[in-house]
Every structure is written in structure tokens, then in C-alpha cells.
PDB file of N, CA and C in Angstrom:
ATOM      1  N   MET A   1      91.233  46.909 124.197  1.00  0.00           N
ATOM      2  CA  MET A   1      90.579  47.469 125.192  1.00  0.00           C
ATOM      3  C   MET A   1      89.078  47.983 124.833  1.00  0.00           C
ATOM      4  N   SER A   2      88.265  47.767 125.680  1.00  0.00           N
ATOM      5  CA  SER A   2      86.799  47.997 125.388  1.00  0.00           C
ATOM      6  C   SER A   2      86.320  49.170 126.435  1.00  0.00           C
ATOM      7  N   TYR A   3      85.201  49.689 125.923  1.00  0.00           N
ATOM      8  CA  TYR A   3      84.731  50.811 126.720  1.00  0.00           C
ATOM      9  C   TYR A   3      83.576  50.158 127.593  1.00  0.00           C
ATOM     10  N   LYS A   4      83.677  50.814 128.800  1.00  0.00           N
ATOM     11  CA  LYS A   4      82.388  50.441 129.808  1.00  0.00           C
ATOM     12  C   LYS A   4      81.704  51.694 130.165  1.00  0.00           C
ATOM     13  N   ARG A   5      80.342  51.493 130.454  1.00  0.00           N
ATOM     14  CA  ARG A   5      79.658  52.709 130.817  1.00  0.00           C
ATOM     15  C   ARG A   5      79.882  52.935 132.261  1.00  0.00           C
ATOM     16  N   ALA A   6      80.377  54.119 132.622  1.00  0.00           N
ATOM     17  CA  ALA A   6      80.525  54.432 134.050  1.00  0.00           C
ATOM     18  C   ALA A   6      79.201  54.190 134.836  1.00  0.00           C
ATOM     19  N   ILE A   7      78.222  54.593 134.316  1.00  0.00           N
ATOM     20  CA  ILE A   7      77.057  54.469 135.064  1.00  0.00           C
ATOM     21  C   ILE A   7      76.678  53.038 135.588  1.00  0.00           C
ATOM     22  N   HIS A   8      77.267  52.074 134.841  1.00  0.00           N
ATOM     23  CA  HIS A   8      77.129  50.563 135.140  1.00  0.00           C
ATOM     24  C   HIS A   8      78.347  50.149 136.173  1.00  0.00           C
ATOM     25  N   ILE A   9      79.353  50.811 136.363  1.00  0.00           N
ATOM     26  CA  ILE A   9      80.235  50.406 137.008  1.00  0.00           C
ATOM     27  C   ILE A   9      80.619  51.085 138.307  1.00  0.00           C
ATOM     28  N   LEU A  10      80.503  52.544 138.419  1.00  0.00           N
ATOM     29  CA  LEU A  10      80.808  53.164 139.570  1.00  0.00           C
ATOM     30  C   LEU A  10      79.682  53.533 140.277  1.00  0.00           C
ATOM     31  N   PRO A  11      79.982  53.584 141.613  1.00  0.00           N
ATOM     32  CA  PRO A  11      78.744  54.062 142.578  1.00  0.00           C
ATOM     33  C   PRO A  11      78.397  55.493 142.073  1.00  0.00           C
ATOM     34  N   ASN A  12      77.098  55.717 142.253  1.00  0.00           N
ATOM     35  CA  ASN A  12      76.609  57.056 141.938  1.00  0.00           C
ATOM     36  C   ASN A  12      77.431  58.264 142.557  1.00  0.00           C
ATOM     37  N   ASP A  13      77.758  58.165 143.767  1.00  0.00           N
ATOM     38  CA  ASP A  13      78.455  59.322 144.343  1.00  0.00           C
ATOM     39  C   ASP A  13      79.876  59.527 143.618  1.00  0.00           C
ATOM     40  N   LEU A  14      80.605  58.497 143.332  1.00  0.00           N
ATOM     41  CA  LEU A  14      81.913  58.539 142.655  1.00  0.00           C
ATOM     42  C   LEU A  14      81.685  58.942 141.152  1.00  0.00           C
ATOM     43  N   LEU A  15      80.584  58.567 140.570  1.00  0.00           N
ATOM     44  CA  LEU A  15      80.281  59.127 139.275  1.00  0.00           C
ATOM     45  C   LEU A  15      80.114  60.509 139.263  1.00  0.00           C
ATOM     46  N   GLU A  16      79.400  61.095 140.159  1.00  0.00           N
ATOM     47  CA  GLU A  16      79.167  62.534 140.278  1.00  0.00           C
ATOM     48  C   GLU A  16      80.386  63.267 140.580  1.00  0.00           C
ATOM     49  N   MET A  17      81.397  62.715 141.292  1.00  0.00           N
ATOM     50  CA  MET A  17      82.750  63.397 141.591  1.00  0.00           C
ATOM     51  C   MET A  17      83.509  63.363 140.357  1.00  0.00           C
ATOM     52  N   VAL A  18      83.515  62.321 139.603  1.00  0.00           N
ATOM     53  CA  VAL A  18      84.167  62.270 138.281  1.00  0.00           C
ATOM     54  C   VAL A  18      83.647  63.370 137.313  1.00  0.00           C
ATOM     55  N   GLN A  19      82.331  63.333 137.253  1.00  0.00           N
ATOM     56  CA  GLN A  19      81.665  64.367 136.348  1.00  0.00           C
ATOM     57  C   GLN A  19      82.001  65.844 136.757  1.00  0.00           C
ATOM     58  N   GLU A  20      82.495  66.015 137.809  1.00  0.00           N
ATOM     59  CA  GLU A  20      82.849  67.428 138.219  1.00  0.00           C
ATOM     60  C   GLU A  20      84.253  67.721 137.358  1.00  0.00           C
ATOM     61  N   TYR A  21      85.011  66.703 137.034  1.00  0.00           N
ATOM     62  CA  TYR A  21      86.387  66.890 136.406  1.00  0.00           C
ATOM     63  C   TYR A  21      86.164  66.688 134.942  1.00  0.00           C
ATOM     64  N   VAL A  22      85.453  65.684 134.637  1.00  0.00           N
ATOM     65  CA  VAL A  22      85.289  65.188 133.221  1.00  0.00           C
ATOM     66  C   VAL A  22      83.784  64.937 132.905  1.00  0.00           C
ATOM     67  N   ASP A  23      83.080  65.916 132.380  1.00  0.00           N
ATOM     68  CA  ASP A  23      81.831  65.725 132.108  1.00  0.00           C
ATOM     69  C   ASP A  23      81.408  65.322 130.579  1.00  0.00           C
ATOM     70  N   GLY A  24      81.148  64.216 130.270  1.00  0.00           N
ATOM     71  CA  GLY A  24      80.865  63.640 128.980  1.00  0.00           C
ATOM     72  C   GLY A  24      82.033  63.637 128.222  1.00  0.00           C
ATOM     73  N   GLU A  25      83.047  63.423 128.603  1.00  0.00           N
ATOM     74  CA  GLU A  25      84.308  63.224 127.922  1.00  0.00           C
ATOM     75  C   GLU A  25      84.800  61.735 128.108  1.00  0.00           C
ATOM     76  N   PHE A  26      85.730  61.217 127.236  1.00  0.00           N
ATOM     77  CA  PHE A  26      86.255  59.935 127.539  1.00  0.00           C
ATOM     78  C   PHE A  26      87.602  59.970 128.349  1.00  0.00           C
ATOM     79  N   ILE A  27      87.657  59.261 129.274  1.00  0.00           N
ATOM     80  CA  ILE A  27      89.048  59.223 129.931  1.00  0.00           C
ATOM     81  C   ILE A  27      89.494  57.814 129.955  1.00  0.00           C
ATOM     82  N   TYR A  28      90.904  57.702 130.117  1.00  0.00           N
ATOM     83  CA  TYR A  28      91.517  56.400 130.086  1.00  0.00           C
ATOM     84  C   TYR A  28      91.914  56.247 131.469  1.00  0.00           C
ATOM     85  N   ILE A  29      91.729  55.050 132.241  1.00  0.00           N
ATOM     86  CA  ILE A  29      92.001  54.655 133.640  1.00  0.00           C
ATOM     87  C   ILE A  29      93.007  53.529 133.303  1.00  0.00           C
ATOM     88  N   PRO A  30      94.354  53.770 133.574  1.00  0.00           N
ATOM     89  CA  PRO A  30      95.398  52.667 133.473  1.00  0.00           C
ATOM     90  C   PRO A  30      95.293  51.595 134.487  1.00  0.00           C
ATOM     91  N   ARG A  31      95.818  50.421 134.093  1.00  0.00           N
ATOM     92  CA  ARG A  31      95.862  49.247 135.036  1.00  0.00           C
ATOM     93  C   ARG A  31      96.730  49.564 136.185  1.00  0.00           C
ATOM     94  N   LYS A  32      96.576  48.918 137.275  1.00  0.00           N
ATOM     95  CA  LYS A  32      97.459  48.971 138.317  1.00  0.00           C
ATOM     96  C   LYS A  32      98.708  48.291 137.839  1.00  0.00           C
ATOM     97  N   SER A  33      99.914  48.685 138.361  1.00  0.00           N
ATOM     98  CA  SER A  33     101.223  48.254 137.939  1.00  0.00           C
ATOM     99  C   SER A  33     101.289  46.637 137.978  1.00  0.00           C
ATOM    100  N   GLY A  34     100.775  46.044 138.941  1.00  0.00           N
ATOM    101  CA  GLY A  34     100.839  44.652 139.148  1.00  0.00           C
ATOM    102  C   GLY A  34      99.960  43.888 138.246  1.00  0.00           C
ATOM    103  N   LYS A  35      98.969  44.462 137.583  1.00  0.00           N
ATOM    104  CA  LYS A  35      97.918  43.804 136.760  1.00  0.00           C
ATOM    105  C   LYS A  35      98.251  43.929 135.316  1.00  0.00           C
ATOM    106  N   LYS A  36      99.301  44.590 134.881  1.00  0.00           N
ATOM    107  CA  LYS A  36      99.535  45.023 133.387  1.00  0.00           C
ATOM    108  C   LYS A  36      99.817  43.470 132.686  1.00  0.00           C
ATOM    109  N   LYS A  37      99.229  43.471 131.508  1.00  0.00           N
ATOM    110  CA  LYS A  37      99.365  42.448 130.617  1.00  0.00           C
ATOM    111  C   LYS A  37     100.747  42.539 129.711  1.00  0.00           C
ATOM    112  N   GLU A  38     101.274  41.613 129.286  1.00  0.00           N
ATOM    113  CA  GLU A  38     102.316  41.452 128.462  1.00  0.00           C
ATOM    114  C   GLU A  38     101.678  41.971 127.102  1.00  0.00           C
ATOM    115  N   TRP A  39     102.738  42.512 126.276  1.00  0.00           N
ATOM    116  CA  TRP A  39     102.239  42.694 124.913  1.00  0.00           C
ATOM    117  C   TRP A  39     101.906  41.526 124.087  1.00  0.00           C
ATOM    118  N   GLY A  40     100.924  41.528 123.237  1.00  0.00           N
ATOM    119  CA  GLY A  40     100.465  40.311 122.632  1.00  0.00           C
ATOM    120  C   GLY A  40      99.881  39.173 123.362  1.00  0.00           C
ATOM    121  N   SER A  41      99.549  39.370 124.648  1.00  0.00           N
ATOM    122  CA  SER A  41      98.877  38.345 125.469  1.00  0.00           C
ATOM    123  C   SER A  41      97.419  38.039 124.978  1.00  0.00           C
ATOM    124  N   ASN A  42      96.943  38.990 124.469  1.00  0.00           N
ATOM    125  CA  ASN A  42      95.464  38.742 124.151  1.00  0.00           C
ATOM    126  C   ASN A  42      95.273  38.321 122.597  1.00  0.00           C
ATOM    127  N   THR A  43      96.214  38.346 121.901  1.00  0.00           N
ATOM    128  CA  THR A  43      96.162  37.826 120.438  1.00  0.00           C
ATOM    129  C   THR A  43      97.321  36.781 120.036  1.00  0.00           C
ATOM    130  N   SER A  44      97.327  36.316 118.786  1.00  0.00           N
ATOM    131  CA  SER A  44      98.372  35.299 118.577  1.00  0.00           C
ATOM    132  C   SER A  44      99.532  35.938 117.891  1.00  0.00           C
ATOM    133  N   THR A  45      99.487  37.352 117.851  1.00  0.00           N
ATOM    134  CA  THR A  45     100.660  38.177 117.181  1.00  0.00           C
ATOM    135  C   THR A  45     102.031  37.768 117.677  1.00  0.00           C
ATOM    136  N   ARG A  46     102.177  37.654 118.882  1.00  0.00           N
ATOM    137  CA  ARG A  46     103.490  37.296 119.526  1.00  0.00           C
ATOM    138  C   ARG A  46     104.047  36.042 119.006  1.00  0.00           C
ATOM    139  N   THR A  47     103.039  34.954 118.945  1.00  0.00           N
ATOM    140  CA  THR A  47     103.549  33.685 118.590  1.00  0.00           C
ATOM    141  C   THR A  47     103.903  33.634 117.022  1.00  0.00           C
ATOM    142  N   GLU A  48     103.016  34.428 116.284  1.00  0.00           N
ATOM    143  CA  GLU A  48     103.203  34.561 114.849  1.00  0.00           C
ATOM    144  C   GLU A  48     104.543  35.174 114.497  1.00  0.00           C
ATOM    145  N   LEU A  49     104.901  36.156 115.163  1.00  0.00           N
ATOM    146  CA  LEU A  49     106.222  36.901 114.950  1.00  0.00           C
ATOM    147  C   LEU A  49     107.397  36.015 115.301  1.00  0.00           C
ATOM    148  N   GLN A  50     107.140  35.347 116.442  1.00  0.00           N
ATOM    149  CA  GLN A  50     108.135  34.299 116.941  1.00  0.00           C
ATOM    150  C   GLN A  50     108.499  33.275 115.722  1.00  0.00           C
ATOM    151  N   GLN A  51     107.379  32.679 115.200  1.00  0.00           N
ATOM    152  CA  GLN A  51     107.514  31.798 114.105  1.00  0.00           C
ATOM    153  C   GLN A  51     108.020  32.380 112.783  1.00  0.00           C
ATOM    154  N   ARG A  52     107.810  33.574 112.493  1.00  0.00           N
ATOM    155  CA  ARG A  52     108.315  34.256 111.355  1.00  0.00           C
ATOM    156  C   ARG A  52     109.800  34.419 111.612  1.00  0.00           C
ATOM    157  N   ASN A  53     110.239  34.888 112.695  1.00  0.00           N
ATOM    158  CA  ASN A  53     111.576  35.165 112.977  1.00  0.00           C
ATOM    159  C   ASN A  53     112.308  33.808 112.852  1.00  0.00           C
ATOM    160  N   ARG A  54     111.780  32.726 113.429  1.00  0.00           N
ATOM    161  CA  ARG A  54     112.483  31.537 113.342  1.00  0.00           C
ATOM    162  C   ARG A  54     112.626  31.110 111.958  1.00  0.00           C
ATOM    163  N   GLN A  55     111.424  31.354 111.057  1.00  0.00           N
ATOM    164  CA  GLN A  55     111.740  30.922 109.651  1.00  0.00           C
ATOM    165  C   GLN A  55     112.769  31.683 108.947  1.00  0.00           C
ATOM    166  N   ILE A  56     112.852  33.066 109.138  1.00  0.00           N
ATOM    167  CA  ILE A  56     113.776  34.059 108.749  1.00  0.00           C
ATOM    168  C   ILE A  56     115.153  33.518 108.903  1.00  0.00           C
ATOM    169  N   TYR A  57     115.320  33.000 110.342  1.00  0.00           N
ATOM    170  CA  TYR A  57     116.768  32.330 110.743  1.00  0.00           C
ATOM    171  C   TYR A  57     117.079  31.324 109.937  1.00  0.00           C
ATOM    172  N   GLU A  58     115.947  30.258 109.737  1.00  0.00           N
ATOM    173  CA  GLU A  58     116.212  29.102 109.067  1.00  0.00           C
ATOM    174  C   GLU A  58     116.754  29.340 107.557  1.00  0.00           C
ATOM    175  N   GLU A  59     116.002  30.262 106.951  1.00  0.00           N
ATOM    176  CA  GLU A  59     116.305  30.691 105.538  1.00  0.00           C
ATOM    177  C   GLU A  59     117.679  31.386 105.594  1.00  0.00           C
ATOM    178  N   TYR A  60     118.087  32.194 106.429  1.00  0.00           N
ATOM    179  CA  TYR A  60     119.347  32.583 106.461  1.00  0.00           C
ATOM    180  C   TYR A  60     120.439  31.643 106.635  1.00  0.00           C
ATOM    181  N   LEU A  61     120.169  30.572 107.578  1.00  0.00           N
ATOM    182  CA  LEU A  61     121.246  29.583 107.661  1.00  0.00           C
ATOM    183  C   LEU A  61     121.256  28.835 106.374  1.00  0.00           C
ATOM    184  N   ALA A  62     120.172  28.656 105.605  1.00  0.00           N
ATOM    185  CA  ALA A  62     120.189  27.877 104.428  1.00  0.00           C
ATOM    186  C   ALA A  62     120.938  28.601 103.145  1.00  0.00           C
ATOM    187  N   GLY A  63     121.286  29.932 103.405  1.00  0.00           N
ATOM    188  CA  GLY A  63     122.149  30.659 102.511  1.00  0.00           C
ATOM    189  C   GLY A  63     121.433  31.860 101.819  1.00  0.00           C
ATOM    190  N   ASN A  64     120.389  32.210 102.359  1.00  0.00           N
ATOM    191  CA  ASN A  64     119.810  33.472 101.793  1.00  0.00           C
ATOM    192  C   ASN A  64     120.391  34.680 102.416  1.00  0.00           C
ATOM    193  N   SER A  65     120.624  35.626 101.631  1.00  0.00           N
ATOM    194  CA  SER A  65     121.292  36.821 101.961  1.00  0.00           C
ATOM    195  C   SER A  65     120.212  37.759 102.962  1.00  0.00           C
ATOM    196  N   LEU A  66     120.786  38.679 103.772  1.00  0.00           N
ATOM    197  CA  LEU A  66     120.045  39.556 104.534  1.00  0.00           C
ATOM    198  C   LEU A  66     119.079  40.367 103.578  1.00  0.00           C
ATOM    199  N   GLN A  67     119.747  40.849 102.368  1.00  0.00           N
ATOM    200  CA  GLN A  67     118.917  41.610 101.499  1.00  0.00           C
ATOM    201  C   GLN A  67     117.667  40.901 101.006  1.00  0.00           C
ATOM    202  N   GLN A  68     117.988  39.678 100.593  1.00  0.00           N
ATOM    203  CA  GLN A  68     116.894  38.834  99.938  1.00  0.00           C
ATOM    204  C   GLN A  68     115.884  38.599 101.033  1.00  0.00           C
ATOM    205  N   LEU A  69     116.093  38.450 102.271  1.00  0.00           N
ATOM    206  CA  LEU A  69     115.282  38.107 103.315  1.00  0.00           C
ATOM    207  C   LEU A  69     114.350  39.458 103.625  1.00  0.00           C
ATOM    208  N   ALA A  70     115.212  40.579 103.598  1.00  0.00           N
ATOM    209  CA  ALA A  70     114.624  41.861 103.918  1.00  0.00           C
ATOM    210  C   ALA A  70     113.569  42.146 102.636  1.00  0.00           C
ATOM    211  N   ASP A  71     113.801  41.861 101.401  1.00  0.00           N
ATOM    212  CA  ASP A  71     112.868  42.148 100.474  1.00  0.00           C
ATOM    213  C   ASP A  71     111.740  41.242 100.671  1.00  0.00           C
ATOM    214  N   LYS A  72     111.981  39.985 100.943  1.00  0.00           N
ATOM    215  CA  LYS A  72     110.834  38.963 100.879  1.00  0.00           C
ATOM    216  C   LYS A  72     109.788  39.351 102.050  1.00  0.00           C
ATOM    217  N   TYR A  73     110.452  39.665 103.292  1.00  0.00           N
ATOM    218  CA  TYR A  73     109.513  39.864 104.556  1.00  0.00           C
ATOM    219  C   TYR A  73     109.167  41.393 104.583  1.00  0.00           C
ATOM    220  N   PHE A  74     109.699  42.295 103.677  1.00  0.00           N
ATOM    221  CA  PHE A  74     109.377  43.605 103.780  1.00  0.00           C
ATOM    222  C   PHE A  74     109.795  44.309 104.982  1.00  0.00           C
ATOM    223  N   LEU A  75     111.110  43.938 105.376  1.00  0.00           N
ATOM    224  CA  LEU A  75     111.600  44.543 106.490  1.00  0.00           C
ATOM    225  C   LEU A  75     112.942  45.193 106.327  1.00  0.00           C
ATOM    226  N   SER A  76     113.455  45.996 107.095  1.00  0.00           N
ATOM    227  CA  SER A  76     114.669  46.786 106.808  1.00  0.00           C
ATOM    228  C   SER A  76     115.915  45.841 107.134  1.00  0.00           C
ATOM    229  N   LEU A  77     117.071  46.191 106.774  1.00  0.00           N
ATOM    230  CA  LEU A  77     118.201  45.422 106.894  1.00  0.00           C
ATOM    231  C   LEU A  77     118.434  45.522 108.450  1.00  0.00           C
ATOM    232  N   LYS A  78     118.307  46.608 109.066  1.00  0.00           N
ATOM    233  CA  LYS A  78     118.687  46.624 110.642  1.00  0.00           C
ATOM    234  C   LYS A  78     117.677  45.629 111.313  1.00  0.00           C
ATOM    235  N   SER A  79     116.313  45.596 110.796  1.00  0.00           N
ATOM    236  CA  SER A  79     115.624  44.516 111.410  1.00  0.00           C
ATOM    237  C   SER A  79     115.919  43.173 111.281  1.00  0.00           C
ATOM    238  N   MET A  80     116.412  42.798 109.923  1.00  0.00           N
ATOM    239  CA  MET A  80     116.977  41.518 109.641  1.00  0.00           C
ATOM    240  C   MET A  80     118.183  41.199 110.586  1.00  0.00           C
ATOM    241  N   GLN A  81     118.956  42.188 110.748  1.00  0.00           N
ATOM    242  CA  GLN A  81     120.140  42.008 111.594  1.00  0.00           C
ATOM    243  C   GLN A  81     119.797  41.713 113.112  1.00  0.00           C
ATOM    244  N   ARG A  82     118.890  42.456 113.547  1.00  0.00           N
ATOM    245  CA  ARG A  82     118.272  42.205 114.897  1.00  0.00           C
ATOM    246  C   ARG A  82     117.734  40.772 115.043  1.00  0.00           C
ATOM    247  N   ILE A  83     116.851  40.536 114.265  1.00  0.00           N
ATOM    248  CA  ILE A  83     116.288  39.147 114.216  1.00  0.00           C
ATOM    249  C   ILE A  83     117.270  38.073 114.101  1.00  0.00           C
ATOM    250  N   ILE A  84     118.237  38.035 113.172  1.00  0.00           N
ATOM    251  CA  ILE A  84     119.293  37.024 113.116  1.00  0.00           C
ATOM    252  C   ILE A  84     120.130  36.983 114.435  1.00  0.00           C
ATOM    253  N   ARG A  85     120.511  38.174 114.946  1.00  0.00           N
ATOM    254  CA  ARG A  85     121.090  38.172 116.259  1.00  0.00           C
ATOM    255  C   ARG A  85     120.391  37.536 117.365  1.00  0.00           C
ATOM    256  N   GLU A  86     119.075  37.927 117.505  1.00  0.00           N
ATOM    257  CA  GLU A  86     118.326  37.313 118.530  1.00  0.00           C
ATOM    258  C   GLU A  86     118.047  35.882 118.297  1.00  0.00           C
ATOM    259  N   GLN A  87     117.846  35.442 117.205  1.00  0.00           N
ATOM    260  CA  GLN A  87     117.675  34.018 116.946  1.00  0.00           C
ATOM    261  C   GLN A  87     118.943  33.245 117.278  1.00  0.00           C
ATOM    262  N   ARG A  88     119.969  33.739 117.001  1.00  0.00           N
ATOM    263  CA  ARG A  88     121.269  33.091 117.183  1.00  0.00           C
ATOM    264  C   ARG A  88     121.460  32.970 118.714  1.00  0.00           C
ATOM    265  N   ASN A  89     121.064  33.594 119.550  1.00  0.00           N
ATOM    266  CA  ASN A  89     121.200  33.636 121.010  1.00  0.00           C
ATOM    267  C   ASN A  89     120.016  32.788 121.687  1.00  0.00           C
ATOM    268  N   ILE A  90     119.149  32.318 120.868  1.00  0.00           N
ATOM    269  CA  ILE A  90     118.142  31.397 121.487  1.00  0.00           C
ATOM    270  C   ILE A  90     118.728  29.968 121.441  1.00  0.00           C
ATOM    271  N   PRO A  91     118.675  29.253 122.652  1.00  0.00           N
ATOM    272  CA  PRO A  91     119.158  28.019 122.836  1.00  0.00           C
ATOM    273  C   PRO A  91     118.403  26.814 121.943  1.00  0.00           C
TER     274      PRO A  91
END
């Protein structure tokens, strides 16, 4: 999320109306519901986590215990169980 100067975006009369409520403060204007972006759509984080989870599952199938994997990836046992369960259900 980046900040935009209202003076460069809003018509002067609308800017004056907004200043009646919020003068010199920061405000957040949410996206319209149909224009929301999915989590991770602007970065590679989603892809990296999918690759990590796939790697965890492969190591689990190769015989590593959940505790070993949790220690290696600095995750809780519950997180490991969730990852294994989710990966098992991917075709």
C-alpha cells in the first residue's frame, strides 16, 4: 500500500469536505469489494510458501518426523500437521 496526496487525486470541493472530518490526519480508504486482491498477489511469498510446504511434505514422505521438520523449519507441530494434511489433499 502506498500513500497518495489527496490534493493530487481528489477534486478541490471533495477535498474540502473531507477536511471537515479529517484535517491533516491519515485515513485508510478500503478497496471496493469486487476489486480486492488476493493475499500475496503483489509478491512471491505465496509461491515461496507453496514450494516450502511441498518440500516439507516430500521430506515427511522420505521418513523425517514431524518434530524434525518442525525444528528444521522453525514451525510448530500443529503447523506441520496442517501442512502435511493440506499437501496430502493436493492431487
